[in-house]
Amino acid sequence: MLLKRVGYYLVGLAIGTIAVSFFWKKKDASFDYGMDARTLKSIRIKDRIYSKDAEKTLREYNIDTAKISSVLKFADVDFGKSKPRQKPCAEYFITGKDSLNHISLYVTRCDSTATINKIMINN
């Protein structure tokens, strides 16, 4: 009898897991629980502004904004070099991961905008 209950439980659990994962994939849900992930997501969803210095670096190194978007998706936030509690706008130092590790950004995140103040290329 106990074996039968465990079997029903496992079958129900498997069906439920498949159904929930199917719905989450359709909704494009993301689970950003880490500090880095939450910070990067909040920067990505805001209107992005580039400073004159950042625009100059983009032109000089022939980098497009799609690469900057990739850095903001696959990056580490260095909270030691950042000022996350600064008012009215927090400042973050972001370094790309893997093939983008030579690009670092200094970003100011305000209520409705994220300003990329500086782009640093480490050769």
PDB file of N, CA and C in Angstrom:
ATOM      1  N   MET A   1       0.819  -1.198   0.000  1.00  0.00           N
ATOM      2  CA  MET A   1       0.000   0.000   0.000  1.00  0.00           C
ATOM      3  C   MET A   1       0.868   1.269   0.000  1.00  0.00           C
ATOM      4  N   LEU A   2       1.916   1.269   0.830  1.00  0.00           N
ATOM      5  CA  LEU A   2       2.812   2.425   0.908  1.00  0.00           C
ATOM      6  C   LEU A   2       3.541   2.634  -0.420  1.00  0.00           C
ATOM      7  N   LEU A   3       3.941   1.533  -1.042  1.00  0.00           N
ATOM      8  CA  LEU A   3       4.644   1.622  -2.321  1.00  0.00           C
ATOM      9  C   LEU A   3       3.747   2.240  -3.399  1.00  0.00           C
ATOM     10  N   LYS A   4       2.454   1.912  -3.353  1.00  0.00           N
ATOM     11  CA  LYS A   4       1.504   2.462  -4.306  1.00  0.00           C
ATOM     12  C   LYS A   4       1.360   3.983  -4.118  1.00  0.00           C
ATOM     13  N   ARG A   5       1.296   4.427  -2.863  1.00  0.00           N
ATOM     14  CA  ARG A   5       1.184   5.864  -2.570  1.00  0.00           C
ATOM     15  C   ARG A   5       2.413   6.628  -3.055  1.00  0.00           C
ATOM     16  N   VAL A   6       3.574   6.063  -2.804  1.00  0.00           N
ATOM     17  CA  VAL A   6       4.813   6.705  -3.245  1.00  0.00           C
ATOM     18  C   VAL A   6       4.830   6.796  -4.767  1.00  0.00           C
ATOM     19  N   GLY A   7       4.369   5.757  -5.432  1.00  0.00           N
ATOM     20  CA  GLY A   7       4.302   5.765  -6.894  1.00  0.00           C
ATOM     21  C   GLY A   7       3.382   6.855  -7.411  1.00  0.00           C
ATOM     22  N   TYR A   8       2.171   6.971  -6.823  1.00  0.00           N
ATOM     23  CA  TYR A   8       1.243   8.037  -7.214  1.00  0.00           C
ATOM     24  C   TYR A   8       1.855   9.418  -6.973  1.00  0.00           C
ATOM     25  N   TYR A   9       2.513   9.559  -5.833  1.00  0.00           N
ATOM     26  CA  TYR A   9       3.154  10.835  -5.495  1.00  0.00           C
ATOM     27  C   TYR A   9       4.198  11.207  -6.543  1.00  0.00           C
ATOM     28  N   LEU A  10       5.058  10.256  -6.896  1.00  0.00           N
ATOM     29  CA  LEU A  10       6.125  10.533  -7.859  1.00  0.00           C
ATOM     30  C   LEU A  10       5.571  10.841  -9.249  1.00  0.00           C
ATOM     31  N   VAL A  11       4.524  10.134  -9.663  1.00  0.00           N
ATOM     32  CA  VAL A  11       3.905  10.405 -10.962  1.00  0.00           C
ATOM     33  C   VAL A  11       3.297  11.815 -10.966  1.00  0.00           C
ATOM     34  N   GLY A  12       2.588  12.169  -9.902  1.00  0.00           N
ATOM     35  CA  GLY A  12       1.997  13.507  -9.799  1.00  0.00           C
ATOM     36  C   GLY A  12       3.053  14.597  -9.757  1.00  0.00           C
ATOM     37  N   LEU A  13       4.131  14.337  -9.032  1.00  0.00           N
ATOM     38  CA  LEU A  13       5.223  15.299  -8.944  1.00  0.00           C
ATOM     39  C   LEU A  13       5.860  15.514 -10.316  1.00  0.00           C
ATOM     40  N   ALA A  14       6.069  14.436 -11.060  1.00  0.00           N
ATOM     41  CA  ALA A  14       6.676  14.548 -12.392  1.00  0.00           C
ATOM     42  C   ALA A  14       5.769  15.341 -13.338  1.00  0.00           C
ATOM     43  N   ILE A  15       4.477  15.035 -13.333  1.00  0.00           N
ATOM     44  CA  ILE A  15       3.538  15.751 -14.207  1.00  0.00           C
ATOM     45  C   ILE A  15       3.471  17.229 -13.815  1.00  0.00           C
ATOM     46  N   GLY A  16       3.417  17.508 -12.525  1.00  0.00           N
ATOM     47  CA  GLY A  16       3.373  18.894 -12.049  1.00  0.00           C
ATOM     48  C   GLY A  16       4.623  19.665 -12.411  1.00  0.00           C
ATOM     49  N   THR A  17       5.779  19.029 -12.279  1.00  0.00           N
ATOM     50  CA  THR A  17       7.045  19.683 -12.616  1.00  0.00           C
ATOM     51  C   THR A  17       7.103  20.029 -14.097  1.00  0.00           C
ATOM     52  N   ILE A  18       6.680  19.119 -14.931  1.00  0.00           N
ATOM     53  CA  ILE A  18       6.675  19.363 -16.375  1.00  0.00           C
ATOM     54  C   ILE A  18       5.708  20.498 -16.718  1.00  0.00           C
ATOM     55  N   ALA A  19       4.523  20.497 -16.110  1.00  0.00           N
ATOM     56  CA  ALA A  19       3.533  21.543 -16.393  1.00  0.00           C
ATOM     57  C   ALA A  19       4.046  22.915 -15.966  1.00  0.00           C
ATOM     58  N   VAL A  20       4.608  23.002 -14.769  1.00  0.00           N
ATOM     59  CA  VAL A  20       5.100  24.288 -14.270  1.00  0.00           C
ATOM     60  C   VAL A  20       6.256  24.792 -15.132  1.00  0.00           C
ATOM     61  N   SER A  21       7.185  23.906 -15.490  1.00  0.00           N
ATOM     62  CA  SER A  21       8.310  24.353 -16.322  1.00  0.00           C
ATOM     63  C   SER A  21       7.821  24.801 -17.703  1.00  0.00           C
ATOM     64  N   PHE A  22       6.802  24.148 -18.232  1.00  0.00           N
ATOM     65  CA  PHE A  22       6.232  24.546 -19.517  1.00  0.00           C
ATOM     66  C   PHE A  22       5.651  25.955 -19.436  1.00  0.00           C
ATOM     67  N   PHE A  23       4.886  26.255 -18.389  1.00  0.00           N
ATOM     68  CA  PHE A  23       4.293  27.585 -18.233  1.00  0.00           C
ATOM     69  C   PHE A  23       5.355  28.652 -18.021  1.00  0.00           C
ATOM     70  N   TRP A  24       6.388  28.351 -17.245  1.00  0.00           N
ATOM     71  CA  TRP A  24       7.450  29.330 -16.995  1.00  0.00           C
ATOM     72  C   TRP A  24       8.216  29.647 -18.266  1.00  0.00           C
ATOM     73  N   LYS A  25       8.448  28.649 -19.100  1.00  0.00           N
ATOM     74  CA  LYS A  25       9.160  28.895 -20.358  1.00  0.00           C
ATOM     75  C   LYS A  25       8.323  29.774 -21.281  1.00  0.00           C
ATOM     76  N   LYS A  26       7.018  29.555 -21.299  1.00  0.00           N
ATOM     77  CA  LYS A  26       6.143  30.370 -22.143  1.00  0.00           C
ATOM     78  C   LYS A  26       6.112  31.820 -21.682  1.00  0.00           C
ATOM     79  N   LYS A  27       6.176  32.042 -20.375  1.00  0.00           N
ATOM     80  CA  LYS A  27       6.103  33.404 -19.834  1.00  0.00           C
ATOM     81  C   LYS A  27       7.454  34.096 -19.855  1.00  0.00           C
ATOM     82  N   ASP A  28       8.504  33.379 -20.217  1.00  0.00           N
ATOM     83  CA  ASP A  28       9.858  33.938 -20.220  1.00  0.00           C
ATOM     84  C   ASP A  28      10.243  34.441 -18.829  1.00  0.00           C
ATOM     85  N   ALA A  29       9.878  33.675 -17.822  1.00  0.00           N
ATOM     86  CA  ALA A  29      10.174  34.052 -16.439  1.00  0.00           C
ATOM     87  C   ALA A  29      11.659  33.875 -16.162  1.00  0.00           C
ATOM     88  N   SER A  30      12.192  34.776 -15.356  1.00  0.00           N
ATOM     89  CA  SER A  30      13.588  34.647 -14.944  1.00  0.00           C
ATOM     90  C   SER A  30      13.639  34.730 -13.428  1.00  0.00           C
ATOM     91  N   PHE A  31      14.603  34.056 -12.857  1.00  0.00           N
ATOM     92  CA  PHE A  31      14.728  34.000 -11.411  1.00  0.00           C
ATOM     93  C   PHE A  31      16.072  34.591 -11.028  1.00  0.00           C
ATOM     94  N   ASP A  32      16.066  35.872 -10.786  1.00  0.00           N
ATOM     95  CA  ASP A  32      17.289  36.598 -10.473  1.00  0.00           C
ATOM     96  C   ASP A  32      17.361  36.806  -8.964  1.00  0.00           C
ATOM     97  N   TYR A  33      17.950  35.836  -8.272  1.00  0.00           N
ATOM     98  CA  TYR A  33      17.997  35.900  -6.819  1.00  0.00           C
ATOM     99  C   TYR A  33      19.311  36.441  -6.294  1.00  0.00           C
ATOM    100  N   GLY A  34      20.394  36.304  -7.037  1.00  0.00           N
ATOM    101  CA  GLY A  34      21.689  36.774  -6.567  1.00  0.00           C
ATOM    102  C   GLY A  34      21.808  38.287  -6.669  1.00  0.00           C
ATOM    103  N   MET A  35      22.746  38.845  -5.901  1.00  0.00           N
ATOM    104  CA  MET A  35      22.937  40.302  -5.919  1.00  0.00           C
ATOM    105  C   MET A  35      23.358  40.783  -7.300  1.00  0.00           C
ATOM    106  N   ASP A  36      24.293  40.070  -7.929  1.00  0.00           N
ATOM    107  CA  ASP A  36      24.745  40.454  -9.270  1.00  0.00           C
ATOM    108  C   ASP A  36      23.583  40.432 -10.256  1.00  0.00           C
ATOM    109  N   ALA A  37      22.815  39.350 -10.235  1.00  0.00           N
ATOM    110  CA  ALA A  37      21.728  39.187 -11.201  1.00  0.00           C
ATOM    111  C   ALA A  37      20.660  40.260 -11.031  1.00  0.00           C
ATOM    112  N   ARG A  38      20.301  40.570  -9.793  1.00  0.00           N
ATOM    113  CA  ARG A  38      19.287  41.610  -9.559  1.00  0.00           C
ATOM    114  C   ARG A  38      19.784  42.968 -10.021  1.00  0.00           C
ATOM    115  N   THR A  39      21.043  43.269  -9.717  1.00  0.00           N
ATOM    116  CA  THR A  39      21.613  44.563 -10.105  1.00  0.00           C
ATOM    117  C   THR A  39      21.667  44.692 -11.622  1.00  0.00           C
ATOM    118  N   LEU A  40      22.185  43.664 -12.295  1.00  0.00           N
ATOM    119  CA  LEU A  40      22.296  43.717 -13.753  1.00  0.00           C
ATOM    120  C   LEU A  40      20.923  43.810 -14.417  1.00  0.00           C
ATOM    121  N   LYS A  41      19.954  43.078 -13.888  1.00  0.00           N
ATOM    122  CA  LYS A  41      18.611  43.135 -14.474  1.00  0.00           C
ATOM    123  C   LYS A  41      18.009  44.527 -14.309  1.00  0.00           C
ATOM    124  N   SER A  42      18.200  45.136 -13.137  1.00  0.00           N
ATOM    125  CA  SER A  42      17.638  46.475 -12.928  1.00  0.00           C
ATOM    126  C   SER A  42      18.296  47.500 -13.848  1.00  0.00           C
ATOM    127  N   ILE A  43      19.560  47.297 -14.188  1.00  0.00           N
ATOM    128  CA  ILE A  43      20.237  48.196 -15.131  1.00  0.00           C
ATOM    129  C   ILE A  43      19.735  47.945 -16.555  1.00  0.00           C
ATOM    130  N   ARG A  44      19.568  46.667 -16.917  1.00  0.00           N
ATOM    131  CA  ARG A  44      19.133  46.327 -18.279  1.00  0.00           C
ATOM    132  C   ARG A  44      17.742  46.849 -18.610  1.00  0.00           C
ATOM    133  N   ILE A  45      16.833  46.876 -17.638  1.00  0.00           N
ATOM    134  CA  ILE A  45      15.448  47.244 -17.952  1.00  0.00           C
ATOM    135  C   ILE A  45      15.226  48.753 -17.984  1.00  0.00           C
ATOM    136  N   LYS A  46      16.187  49.528 -17.537  1.00  0.00           N
ATOM    137  CA  LYS A  46      16.046  50.990 -17.541  1.00  0.00           C
ATOM    138  C   LYS A  46      16.496  51.561 -18.888  1.00  0.00           C
ATOM    139  N   ASP A  47      16.052  52.778 -19.171  1.00  0.00           N
ATOM    140  CA  ASP A  47      16.515  53.474 -20.375  1.00  0.00           C
ATOM    141  C   ASP A  47      18.012  53.706 -20.246  1.00  0.00           C
ATOM    142  N   ARG A  48      18.745  53.348 -21.283  1.00  0.00           N
ATOM    143  CA  ARG A  48      20.200  53.433 -21.237  1.00  0.00           C
ATOM    144  C   ARG A  48      20.688  54.716 -21.896  1.00  0.00           C
ATOM    145  N   ILE A  49      21.570  55.424 -21.189  1.00  0.00           N
ATOM    146  CA  ILE A  49      22.174  56.657 -21.695  1.00  0.00           C
ATOM    147  C   ILE A  49      23.683  56.460 -21.685  1.00  0.00           C
ATOM    148  N   TYR A  50      24.353  56.921 -22.741  1.00  0.00           N
ATOM    149  CA  TYR A  50      25.812  56.825 -22.827  1.00  0.00           C
ATOM    150  C   TYR A  50      26.411  58.215 -22.655  1.00  0.00           C
ATOM    151  N   SER A  51      27.401  58.331 -21.782  1.00  0.00           N
ATOM    152  CA  SER A  51      28.091  59.611 -21.607  1.00  0.00           C
ATOM    153  C   SER A  51      28.966  59.878 -22.831  1.00  0.00           C
ATOM    154  N   LYS A  52      29.467  61.099 -22.947  1.00  0.00           N
ATOM    155  CA  LYS A  52      30.359  61.460 -24.065  1.00  0.00           C
ATOM    156  C   LYS A  52      31.607  60.584 -24.055  1.00  0.00           C
ATOM    157  N   ASP A  53      32.152  60.341 -22.858  1.00  0.00           N
ATOM    158  CA  ASP A  53      33.347  59.505 -22.724  1.00  0.00           C
ATOM    159  C   ASP A  53      33.070  58.073 -23.188  1.00  0.00           C
ATOM    160  N   ALA A  54      31.904  57.541 -22.816  1.00  0.00           N
ATOM    161  CA  ALA A  54      31.537  56.185 -23.224  1.00  0.00           C
ATOM    162  C   ALA A  54      31.334  56.106 -24.736  1.00  0.00           C
ATOM    163  N   GLU A  55      30.684  57.108 -25.308  1.00  0.00           N
ATOM    164  CA  GLU A  55      30.480  57.125 -26.764  1.00  0.00           C
ATOM    165  C   GLU A  55      31.809  57.200 -27.503  1.00  0.00           C
ATOM    166  N   LYS A  56      32.740  57.963 -26.960  1.00  0.00           N
ATOM    167  CA  LYS A  56      34.074  58.071 -27.570  1.00  0.00           C
ATOM    168  C   LYS A  56      34.769  56.708 -27.568  1.00  0.00           C
ATOM    169  N   THR A  57      34.679  55.985 -26.452  1.00  0.00           N
ATOM    170  CA  THR A  57      35.292  54.655 -26.358  1.00  0.00           C
ATOM    171  C   THR A  57      34.627  53.684 -27.323  1.00  0.00           C
ATOM    172  N   LEU A  58      33.303  53.759 -27.457  1.00  0.00           N
ATOM    173  CA  LEU A  58      32.591  52.894 -28.404  1.00  0.00           C
ATOM    174  C   LEU A  58      33.101  53.111 -29.825  1.00  0.00           C
ATOM    175  N   ARG A  59      33.271  54.373 -30.212  1.00  0.00           N
ATOM    176  CA  ARG A  59      33.769  54.680 -31.562  1.00  0.00           C
ATOM    177  C   ARG A  59      35.229  54.258 -31.721  1.00  0.00           C
ATOM    178  N   GLU A  60      36.034  54.557 -30.715  1.00  0.00           N
ATOM    179  CA  GLU A  60      37.473  54.295 -30.788  1.00  0.00           C
ATOM    180  C   GLU A  60      37.781  52.806 -30.936  1.00  0.00           C
ATOM    181  N   TYR A  61      37.057  51.960 -30.210  1.00  0.00           N
ATOM    182  CA  TYR A  61      37.310  50.519 -30.245  1.00  0.00           C
ATOM    183  C   TYR A  61      36.320  49.770 -31.135  1.00  0.00           C
ATOM    184  N   ASN A  62      35.470  50.503 -31.848  1.00  0.00           N
ATOM    185  CA  ASN A  62      34.498  49.913 -32.768  1.00  0.00           C
ATOM    186  C   ASN A  62      33.616  48.867 -32.066  1.00  0.00           C
ATOM    187  N   ILE A  63      33.041  49.273 -30.956  1.00  0.00           N
ATOM    188  CA  ILE A  63      32.153  48.411 -30.178  1.00  0.00           C
ATOM    189  C   ILE A  63      30.728  48.894 -30.404  1.00  0.00           C
ATOM    190  N   ASP A  64      29.809  47.961 -30.631  1.00  0.00           N
ATOM    191  CA  ASP A  64      28.417  48.364 -30.789  1.00  0.00           C
ATOM    192  C   ASP A  64      27.660  48.173 -29.473  1.00  0.00           C
ATOM    193  N   THR A  65      26.467  48.734 -29.415  1.00  0.00           N
ATOM    194  CA  THR A  65      25.691  48.682 -28.178  1.00  0.00           C
ATOM    195  C   THR A  65      25.195  47.270 -27.869  1.00  0.00           C
ATOM    196  N   ALA A  66      25.143  46.399 -28.875  1.00  0.00           N
ATOM    197  CA  ALA A  66      24.755  45.009 -28.631  1.00  0.00           C
ATOM    198  C   ALA A  66      25.792  44.309 -27.748  1.00  0.00           C
ATOM    199  N   LYS A  67      27.062  44.642 -27.936  1.00  0.00           N
ATOM    200  CA  LYS A  67      28.109  44.055 -27.101  1.00  0.00           C
ATOM    201  C   LYS A  67      27.984  44.557 -25.662  1.00  0.00           C
ATOM    202  N   ILE A  68      27.626  45.824 -25.497  1.00  0.00           N
ATOM    203  CA  ILE A  68      27.410  46.375 -24.154  1.00  0.00           C
ATOM    204  C   ILE A  68      26.215  45.675 -23.502  1.00  0.00           C
ATOM    205  N   SER A  69      25.176  45.407 -24.281  1.00  0.00           N
ATOM    206  CA  SER A  69      24.020  44.667 -23.762  1.00  0.00           C
ATOM    207  C   SER A  69      24.427  43.271 -23.321  1.00  0.00           C
ATOM    208  N   SER A  70      25.320  42.633 -24.081  1.00  0.00           N
ATOM    209  CA  SER A  70      25.824  41.309 -23.695  1.00  0.00           C
ATOM    210  C   SER A  70      26.617  41.378 -22.401  1.00  0.00           C
ATOM    211  N   VAL A  71      27.422  42.423 -22.255  1.00  0.00           N
ATOM    212  CA  VAL A  71      28.180  42.588 -21.011  1.00  0.00           C
ATOM    213  C   VAL A  71      27.218  42.731 -19.842  1.00  0.00           C
ATOM    214  N   LEU A  72      26.140  43.490 -20.039  1.00  0.00           N
ATOM    215  CA  LEU A  72      25.175  43.683 -18.962  1.00  0.00           C
ATOM    216  C   LEU A  72      24.365  42.427 -18.666  1.00  0.00           C
ATOM    217  N   LYS A  73      24.421  41.452 -19.560  1.00  0.00           N
ATOM    218  CA  LYS A  73      23.725  40.189 -19.312  1.00  0.00           C
ATOM    219  C   LYS A  73      24.658  39.158 -18.683  1.00  0.00           C
ATOM    220  N   PHE A  74      25.903  39.124 -19.134  1.00  0.00           N
ATOM    221  CA  PHE A  74      26.879  38.147 -18.650  1.00  0.00           C
ATOM    222  C   PHE A  74      28.040  38.893 -18.013  1.00  0.00           C
ATOM    223  N   ALA A  75      27.886  39.263 -16.754  1.00  0.00           N
ATOM    224  CA  ALA A  75      28.916  40.075 -16.100  1.00  0.00           C
ATOM    225  C   ALA A  75      28.928  39.827 -14.601  1.00  0.00           C
ATOM    226  N   ASP A  76      29.953  40.354 -13.980  1.00  0.00           N
ATOM    227  CA  ASP A  76      30.069  40.368 -12.525  1.00  0.00           C
ATOM    228  C   ASP A  76      30.051  41.818 -12.074  1.00  0.00           C
ATOM    229  N   VAL A  77      29.370  42.076 -10.974  1.00  0.00           N
ATOM    230  CA  VAL A  77      29.365  43.410 -10.379  1.00  0.00           C
ATOM    231  C   VAL A  77      30.370  43.394  -9.236  1.00  0.00           C
ATOM    232  N   ASP A  78      31.338  44.282  -9.296  1.00  0.00           N
ATOM    233  CA  ASP A  78      32.335  44.398  -8.225  1.00  0.00           C
ATOM    234  C   ASP A  78      31.799  45.400  -7.202  1.00  0.00           C
ATOM    235  N   PHE A  79      31.192  44.873  -6.138  1.00  0.00           N
ATOM    236  CA  PHE A  79      30.583  45.745  -5.141  1.00  0.00           C
ATOM    237  C   PHE A  79      31.631  46.470  -4.308  1.00  0.00           C
ATOM    238  N   GLY A  80      32.871  45.996  -4.313  1.00  0.00           N
ATOM    239  CA  GLY A  80      33.949  46.688  -3.616  1.00  0.00           C
ATOM    240  C   GLY A  80      34.308  48.006  -4.280  1.00  0.00           C
ATOM    241  N   LYS A  81      34.185  48.052  -5.605  1.00  0.00           N
ATOM    242  CA  LYS A  81      34.487  49.271  -6.361  1.00  0.00           C
ATOM    243  C   LYS A  81      33.223  50.080  -6.658  1.00  0.00           C
ATOM    244  N   SER A  82      32.077  49.584  -6.217  1.00  0.00           N
ATOM    245  CA  SER A  82      30.793  50.234  -6.491  1.00  0.00           C
ATOM    246  C   SER A  82      30.329  51.033  -5.277  1.00  0.00           C
ATOM    247  N   LYS A  83      29.321  51.858  -5.517  1.00  0.00           N
ATOM    248  CA  LYS A  83      28.685  52.632  -4.441  1.00  0.00           C
ATOM    249  C   LYS A  83      27.177  52.390  -4.524  1.00  0.00           C
ATOM    250  N   PRO A  84      26.716  51.192  -4.098  1.00  0.00           N
ATOM    251  CA  PRO A  84      25.308  50.834  -4.291  1.00  0.00           C
ATOM    252  C   PRO A  84      24.319  51.619  -3.433  1.00  0.00           C
ATOM    253  N   ARG A  85      24.771  52.198  -2.336  1.00  0.00           N
ATOM    254  CA  ARG A  85      23.858  52.922  -1.454  1.00  0.00           C
ATOM    255  C   ARG A  85      23.911  54.441  -1.656  1.00  0.00           C
ATOM    256  N   GLN A  86      24.647  54.868  -2.654  1.00  0.00           N
ATOM    257  CA  GLN A  86      24.775  56.306  -2.914  1.00  0.00           C
ATOM    258  C   GLN A  86      23.432  56.879  -3.363  1.00  0.00           C
ATOM    259  N   LYS A  87      23.087  58.027  -2.841  1.00  0.00           N
ATOM    260  CA  LYS A  87      21.831  58.693  -3.187  1.00  0.00           C
ATOM    261  C   LYS A  87      22.126  59.906  -4.050  1.00  0.00           C
ATOM    262  N   PRO A  88      21.344  60.267  -5.010  1.00  0.00           N
ATOM    263  CA  PRO A  88      20.103  59.650  -5.453  1.00  0.00           C
ATOM    264  C   PRO A  88      20.317  58.499  -6.436  1.00  0.00           C
ATOM    265  N   CYS A  89      21.530  58.351  -6.975  1.00  0.00           N
ATOM    266  CA  CYS A  89      21.787  57.312  -7.975  1.00  0.00           C
ATOM    267  C   CYS A  89      22.958  56.438  -7.533  1.00  0.00           C
ATOM    268  N   ALA A  90      22.748  55.129  -7.576  1.00  0.00           N
ATOM    269  CA  ALA A  90      23.802  54.187  -7.215  1.00  0.00           C
ATOM    270  C   ALA A  90      24.788  54.047  -8.371  1.00  0.00           C
ATOM    271  N   GLU A  91      26.044  53.743  -8.035  1.00  0.00           N
ATOM    272  CA  GLU A  91      27.077  53.568  -9.055  1.00  0.00           C
ATOM    273  C   GLU A  91      27.641  52.153  -8.950  1.00  0.00           C
ATOM    274  N   TYR A  92      27.856  51.514 -10.104  1.00  0.00           N
ATOM    275  CA  TYR A  92      28.317  50.128 -10.137  1.00  0.00           C
ATOM    276  C   TYR A  92      29.480  49.968 -11.101  1.00  0.00           C
ATOM    277  N   PHE A  93      30.436  49.136 -10.696  1.00  0.00           N
ATOM    278  CA  PHE A  93      31.565  48.757 -11.545  1.00  0.00           C
ATOM    279  C   PHE A  93      31.292  47.336 -12.017  1.00  0.00           C
ATOM    280  N   ILE A  94      31.169  47.156 -13.321  1.00  0.00           N
ATOM    281  CA  ILE A  94      30.753  45.883 -13.914  1.00  0.00           C
ATOM    282  C   ILE A  94      31.844  45.389 -14.851  1.00  0.00           C
ATOM    283  N   THR A  95      32.192  44.097 -14.719  1.00  0.00           N
ATOM    284  CA  THR A  95      33.198  43.477 -15.577  1.00  0.00           C
ATOM    285  C   THR A  95      32.570  42.295 -16.300  1.00  0.00           C
ATOM    286  N   GLY A  96      32.784  42.219 -17.608  1.00  0.00           N
ATOM    287  CA  GLY A  96      32.240  41.130 -18.400  1.00  0.00           C
ATOM    288  C   GLY A  96      32.857  39.788 -18.035  1.00  0.00           C
ATOM    289  N   LYS A  97      32.136  38.711 -18.346  1.00  0.00           N
ATOM    290  CA  LYS A  97      32.615  37.350 -18.088  1.00  0.00           C
ATOM    291  C   LYS A  97      33.074  36.707 -19.395  1.00  0.00           C
ATOM    292  N   ASP A  98      33.868  35.660 -19.248  1.00  0.00           N
ATOM    293  CA  ASP A  98      34.320  34.814 -20.354  1.00  0.00           C
ATOM    294  C   ASP A  98      34.954  35.628 -21.482  1.00  0.00           C
ATOM    295  N   SER A  99      34.368  35.604 -22.678  1.00  0.00           N
ATOM    296  CA  SER A  99      34.980  36.298 -23.819  1.00  0.00           C
ATOM    297  C   SER A  99      34.833  37.815 -23.719  1.00  0.00           C
ATOM    298  N   LEU A 100      34.021  38.283 -22.791  1.00  0.00           N
ATOM    299  CA  LEU A 100      33.819  39.724 -22.615  1.00  0.00           C
ATOM    300  C   LEU A 100      34.576  40.271 -21.404  1.00  0.00           C
ATOM    301  N   ASN A 101      35.508  39.480 -20.857  1.00  0.00           N
ATOM    302  CA  ASN A 101      36.184  39.893 -19.623  1.00  0.00           C
ATOM    303  C   ASN A 101      37.138  41.066 -19.816  1.00  0.00           C
ATOM    304  N   HIS A 102      37.397  41.463 -21.040  1.00  0.00           N
ATOM    305  CA  HIS A 102      38.264  42.617 -21.291  1.00  0.00           C
ATOM    306  C   HIS A 102      37.487  43.943 -21.276  1.00  0.00           C
ATOM    307  N   ILE A 103      36.166  43.866 -21.102  1.00  0.00           N
ATOM    308  CA  ILE A 103      35.333  45.071 -21.076  1.00  0.00           C
ATOM    309  C   ILE A 103      34.804  45.297 -19.662  1.00  0.00           C
ATOM    310  N   SER A 104      35.024  46.503 -19.152  1.00  0.00           N
ATOM    311  CA  SER A 104      34.484  46.903 -17.854  1.00  0.00           C
ATOM    312  C   SER A 104      33.664  48.172 -18.042  1.00  0.00           C
ATOM    313  N   LEU A 105      32.615  48.294 -17.249  1.00  0.00           N
ATOM    314  CA  LEU A 105      31.724  49.447 -17.342  1.00  0.00           C
ATOM    315  C   LEU A 105      31.582  50.105 -15.978  1.00  0.00           C
ATOM    316  N   TYR A 106      31.449  51.409 -15.987  1.00  0.00           N
ATOM    317  CA  TYR A 106      31.097  52.143 -14.777  1.00  0.00           C
ATOM    318  C   TYR A 106      29.734  52.762 -15.042  1.00  0.00           C
ATOM    319  N   VAL A 107      28.708  52.274 -14.316  1.00  0.00           N
ATOM    320  CA  VAL A 107      27.320  52.618 -14.606  1.00  0.00           C
ATOM    321  C   VAL A 107      26.686  53.322 -13.411  1.00  0.00           C
ATOM    322  N   THR A 108      25.926  54.367 -13.687  1.00  0.00           N
ATOM    323  CA  THR A 108      25.132  55.047 -12.669  1.00  0.00           C
ATOM    324  C   THR A 108      23.673  54.675 -12.899  1.00  0.00           C
ATOM    325  N   ARG A 109      23.057  54.069 -11.874  1.00  0.00           N
ATOM    326  CA  ARG A 109      21.663  53.635 -11.988  1.00  0.00           C
ATOM    327  C   ARG A 109      20.769  54.555 -11.167  1.00  0.00           C
ATOM    328  N   CYS A 110      19.884  55.247 -11.854  1.00  0.00           N
ATOM    329  CA  CYS A 110      18.914  56.126 -11.197  1.00  0.00           C
ATOM    330  C   CYS A 110      17.534  55.467 -11.270  1.00  0.00           C
ATOM    331  N   ASP A 111      16.491  56.207 -10.887  1.00  0.00           N
ATOM    332  CA  ASP A 111      15.144  55.634 -10.862  1.00  0.00           C
ATOM    333  C   ASP A 111      14.668  55.162 -12.227  1.00  0.00           C
ATOM    334  N   SER A 112      14.865  55.971 -13.254  1.00  0.00           N
ATOM    335  CA  SER A 112      14.326  55.608 -14.568  1.00  0.00           C
ATOM    336  C   SER A 112      15.392  55.423 -15.642  1.00  0.00           C
ATOM    337  N   THR A 113      16.645  55.754 -15.345  1.00  0.00           N
ATOM    338  CA  THR A 113      17.700  55.637 -16.354  1.00  0.00           C
ATOM    339  C   THR A 113      18.933  54.943 -15.786  1.00  0.00           C
ATOM    340  N   ALA A 114      19.711  54.391 -16.686  1.00  0.00           N
ATOM    341  CA  ALA A 114      21.025  53.837 -16.357  1.00  0.00           C
ATOM    342  C   ALA A 114      22.020  54.513 -17.295  1.00  0.00           C
ATOM    343  N   THR A 115      22.947  55.260 -16.725  1.00  0.00           N
ATOM    344  CA  THR A 115      23.927  55.988 -17.524  1.00  0.00           C
ATOM    345  C   THR A 115      25.246  55.241 -17.505  1.00  0.00           C
ATOM    346  N   ILE A 116      25.738  54.879 -18.684  1.00  0.00           N
ATOM    347  CA  ILE A 116      27.043  54.243 -18.785  1.00  0.00           C
ATOM    348  C   ILE A 116      28.056  55.375 -18.876  1.00  0.00           C
ATOM    349  N   ASN A 117      28.742  55.613 -17.762  1.00  0.00           N
ATOM    350  CA  ASN A 117      29.662  56.746 -17.658  1.00  0.00           C
ATOM    351  C   ASN A 117      30.999  56.471 -18.320  1.00  0.00           C
ATOM    352  N   LYS A 118      31.488  55.256 -18.157  1.00  0.00           N
ATOM    353  CA  LYS A 118      32.829  54.953 -18.649  1.00  0.00           C
ATOM    354  C   LYS A 118      32.883  53.503 -19.107  1.00  0.00           C
ATOM    355  N   ILE A 119      33.556  53.281 -20.232  1.00  0.00           N
ATOM    356  CA  ILE A 119      33.803  51.938 -20.752  1.00  0.00           C
ATOM    357  C   ILE A 119      35.308  51.758 -20.785  1.00  0.00           C
ATOM    358  N   MET A 120      35.792  50.730 -20.099  1.00  0.00           N
ATOM    359  CA  MET A 120      37.229  50.468 -20.048  1.00  0.00           C
ATOM    360  C   MET A 120      37.531  49.168 -20.780  1.00  0.00           C
ATOM    361  N   ILE A 121      38.499  49.217 -21.688  1.00  0.00           N
ATOM    362  CA  ILE A 121      38.922  48.052 -22.461  1.00  0.00           C
ATOM    363  C   ILE A 121      40.306  47.651 -21.970  1.00  0.00           C
ATOM    364  N   ASN A 122      40.420  46.430 -21.466  1.00  0.00           N
ATOM    365  CA  ASN A 122      41.706  45.914 -20.989  1.00  0.00           C
ATOM    366  C   ASN A 122      42.266  44.964 -22.038  1.00  0.00           C
ATOM    367  N   ASN A 123      43.313  45.370 -22.698  1.00  0.00           N
ATOM    368  CA  ASN A 123      43.895  44.530 -23.762  1.00  0.00           C
ATOM    369  C   ASN A 123      44.737  43.483 -23.197  1.00  0.00           C
TER     370      ASN A 123
END
